[in-house]
């Protein structure tokens, strides 16, 4: 799940850290959202191990919040750690938009081969990831990134 506003320190918005095909899809989706007046922007893309650890602590050892914000203990258990996921929010209203806003954004992102975290059993409304990816990275993805680098993962999921 997205960490929300209090998790902003160290957030990476550099599109160059995203897989090339995913980066192009995200840019097209954001452009289309904004053409439709949705005021969308990528709040976070690639997530470092350090920031993932901070997010994982929230709701566990760091309170508030009282609910956890992620189930991924390391960035290798989140597609953010591979440059294959982004969190999208409103530029003007940030996280303070109705769920329907995220649904409208999701309809656009789905047109560009992205999956939406809002479709999950435990919804993560701002989260979008590359369509061919499973909900969470597999052991094979973790092995590939450790032994051959992130580009090998990008190639394996067709995002190169």
Protein backbone atom coordinates (compact mmCIF):
# COMPACT_ATOMS: atom_id res chain seq x y z
CA UNK A 1 0.00 0.00 0.00
CA UNK A 2 1.06 3.56 -0.54
CA UNK A 3 2.60 5.35 2.35
CA UNK A 4 0.79 8.64 1.92
CA UNK A 5 2.04 12.12 2.70
CA UNK A 6 4.07 11.35 5.83
CA UNK A 7 6.26 8.97 3.83
CA UNK A 8 7.53 11.70 1.53
CA UNK A 9 11.19 11.89 2.57
CA UNK A 10 13.43 10.43 -0.08
CA UNK A 11 10.65 9.80 -2.59
CA UNK A 12 12.02 9.19 -6.09
CA UNK A 13 10.10 10.67 -9.02
CA UNK A 14 12.85 10.25 -11.63
CA UNK A 15 11.23 8.61 -14.67
CA UNK A 16 14.66 7.38 -15.79
CA UNK A 17 14.53 4.84 -12.92
CA UNK A 18 11.48 3.15 -14.51
CA UNK A 19 11.67 0.34 -17.07
CA UNK A 20 11.56 1.90 -20.57
CA UNK A 21 8.25 0.42 -21.80
CA UNK A 22 6.61 1.04 -18.43
CA UNK A 23 7.96 4.60 -18.33
CA UNK A 24 6.44 5.28 -21.76
CA UNK A 25 3.10 3.78 -20.69
CA UNK A 26 3.04 5.85 -17.49
CA UNK A 27 3.84 9.06 -19.37
CA UNK A 28 1.10 8.42 -21.93
CA UNK A 29 -1.39 7.56 -19.16
CA UNK A 30 -0.55 10.67 -17.12
CA UNK A 31 -0.77 12.85 -20.23
CA UNK A 32 -4.20 11.37 -21.06
CA UNK A 33 -5.39 11.78 -17.47
CA UNK A 34 -4.41 15.43 -17.56
CA UNK A 35 -6.02 15.92 -20.98
CA UNK A 36 -9.21 14.73 -19.25
CA UNK A 37 -8.72 17.23 -16.41
CA UNK A 38 -7.70 14.69 -13.75
CA UNK A 39 -4.60 16.60 -12.60
CA UNK A 40 -2.58 13.38 -12.11
CA UNK A 41 1.12 13.10 -11.41
CA UNK A 42 3.57 10.42 -10.37
CA UNK A 43 4.15 10.91 -6.66
CA UNK A 44 6.62 8.03 -6.46
CA UNK A 45 8.28 5.61 -8.84
CA UNK A 46 11.41 3.64 -7.96
CA UNK A 47 11.68 2.98 -4.23
CA UNK A 48 14.99 2.45 -2.45
CA UNK A 49 15.58 -0.22 0.16
CA UNK A 50 15.94 2.49 2.84
CA UNK A 51 12.58 4.07 2.05
CA UNK A 52 10.89 0.66 1.79
CA UNK A 53 12.12 -0.16 5.31
CA UNK A 54 10.64 3.11 6.60
CA UNK A 55 7.30 2.37 4.93
CA UNK A 56 7.29 -1.18 6.31
CA UNK A 57 7.80 0.15 9.85
CA UNK A 58 4.74 2.43 9.59
CA UNK A 59 1.86 0.85 11.45
CA UNK A 60 4.18 -1.74 12.99
CA UNK A 61 6.88 -0.03 15.05
CA UNK A 62 6.12 3.54 13.95
CA UNK A 63 2.68 4.70 15.09
CA UNK A 64 0.73 6.55 13.79
CA UNK A 65 -0.52 5.23 11.50
CA UNK A 66 -2.27 2.38 13.26
CA UNK A 67 -2.59 0.36 10.06
CA UNK A 68 0.33 -0.92 8.04
CA UNK A 69 1.09 0.76 4.73
CA UNK A 70 2.91 -2.11 2.99
CA UNK A 71 3.41 -5.83 3.30
CA UNK A 72 6.77 -5.68 1.51
CA UNK A 73 9.61 -5.80 4.04
CA UNK A 74 12.21 -5.02 1.36
CA UNK A 75 12.06 -3.24 -1.97
CA UNK A 76 12.64 -6.56 -3.75
CA UNK A 77 9.14 -7.64 -2.66
CA UNK A 78 7.56 -4.57 -4.30
CA UNK A 79 7.61 -3.73 -8.00
CA UNK A 80 8.64 -0.22 -6.93
CA UNK A 81 12.09 -1.67 -6.21
CA UNK A 82 12.37 -2.76 -9.84
CA UNK A 83 11.15 0.43 -11.51
CA UNK A 84 7.92 -1.34 -12.49
CA UNK A 85 5.41 0.48 -10.24
CA UNK A 86 4.33 4.04 -9.53
CA UNK A 87 1.98 5.78 -7.14
CA UNK A 88 -0.19 8.43 -8.81
CA UNK A 89 -2.01 11.20 -6.97
CA UNK A 90 -3.58 14.58 -7.73
CA UNK A 91 -1.11 17.42 -8.14
CA UNK A 92 -3.49 19.97 -6.59
CA UNK A 93 -5.18 17.82 -3.94
CA UNK A 94 -2.48 15.17 -3.37
CA UNK A 95 -3.97 12.20 -1.46
CA UNK A 96 -7.20 14.06 -0.62
CA UNK A 97 -9.35 12.96 -3.53
CA UNK A 98 -12.37 10.66 -3.55
CA UNK A 99 -11.95 7.00 -4.47
CA UNK A 100 -13.82 7.76 -7.70
CA UNK A 101 -10.92 9.95 -8.82
CA UNK A 102 -8.57 6.97 -8.56
CA UNK A 103 -11.08 4.87 -10.50
CA UNK A 104 -11.06 7.38 -13.36
CA UNK A 105 -7.26 7.43 -13.36
CA UNK A 106 -7.22 3.62 -13.31
CA UNK A 107 -9.48 3.43 -16.36
CA UNK A 108 -6.89 5.45 -18.28
CA UNK A 109 -3.86 3.53 -16.98
CA UNK A 110 -5.47 0.23 -17.92
CA UNK A 111 -5.61 1.44 -21.54
CA UNK A 112 -1.81 1.59 -21.43
CA UNK A 113 -1.11 -1.94 -20.16
CA UNK A 114 -0.95 -1.09 -16.46
CA UNK A 115 -2.58 -2.92 -13.56
CA UNK A 116 -4.22 -1.04 -10.70
CA UNK A 117 -3.71 -1.74 -7.01
CA UNK A 118 -7.34 -0.72 -6.46
CA UNK A 119 -8.38 -4.08 -7.93
CA UNK A 120 -6.59 -6.01 -5.18
CA UNK A 121 -8.22 -7.77 -2.23
CA UNK A 122 -6.68 -5.06 -0.04
CA UNK A 123 -6.91 -2.03 -2.37
CA UNK A 124 -3.97 0.31 -2.90
CA UNK A 125 -5.68 3.06 -4.87
CA UNK A 126 -2.65 5.16 -5.95
CA UNK A 127 -0.63 2.10 -7.10
CA UNK A 128 -0.10 1.20 -10.77
CA UNK A 129 2.30 -1.39 -12.13
CA UNK A 130 3.36 -2.89 -15.44
CA UNK A 131 0.55 -5.12 -16.74
CA UNK A 132 2.44 -8.41 -17.26
CA UNK A 133 3.75 -8.35 -13.67
CA UNK A 134 2.14 -10.53 -11.01
CA UNK A 135 0.80 -8.63 -7.97
CA UNK A 136 4.18 -9.06 -6.23
CA UNK A 137 7.66 -9.97 -7.49
CA UNK A 138 8.44 -13.69 -7.57
CA UNK A 139 11.54 -15.45 -6.30
CA UNK A 140 12.67 -15.62 -9.94
CA UNK A 141 12.45 -11.81 -10.21
CA UNK A 142 14.48 -11.43 -7.00
CA UNK A 143 17.06 -13.90 -8.29
CA UNK A 144 17.30 -12.13 -11.65
CA UNK A 145 17.85 -8.70 -10.09
CA UNK A 146 20.49 -10.08 -7.71
CA UNK A 147 22.42 -12.03 -10.35
CA UNK A 148 21.86 -10.15 -13.63
CA UNK A 149 20.53 -6.73 -12.67
CA UNK A 150 17.25 -4.91 -13.05
CA UNK A 151 17.42 -4.90 -16.85
CA UNK A 152 17.10 -8.71 -16.83
CA UNK A 153 13.83 -8.37 -14.91
CA UNK A 154 12.62 -5.69 -17.33
CA UNK A 155 13.36 -7.98 -20.25
CA UNK A 156 11.65 -10.95 -18.56
CA UNK A 157 8.40 -9.00 -18.15
CA UNK A 158 8.55 -7.28 -21.53
CA UNK A 159 9.21 -3.81 -20.16
CA UNK A 160 12.62 -3.27 -21.76
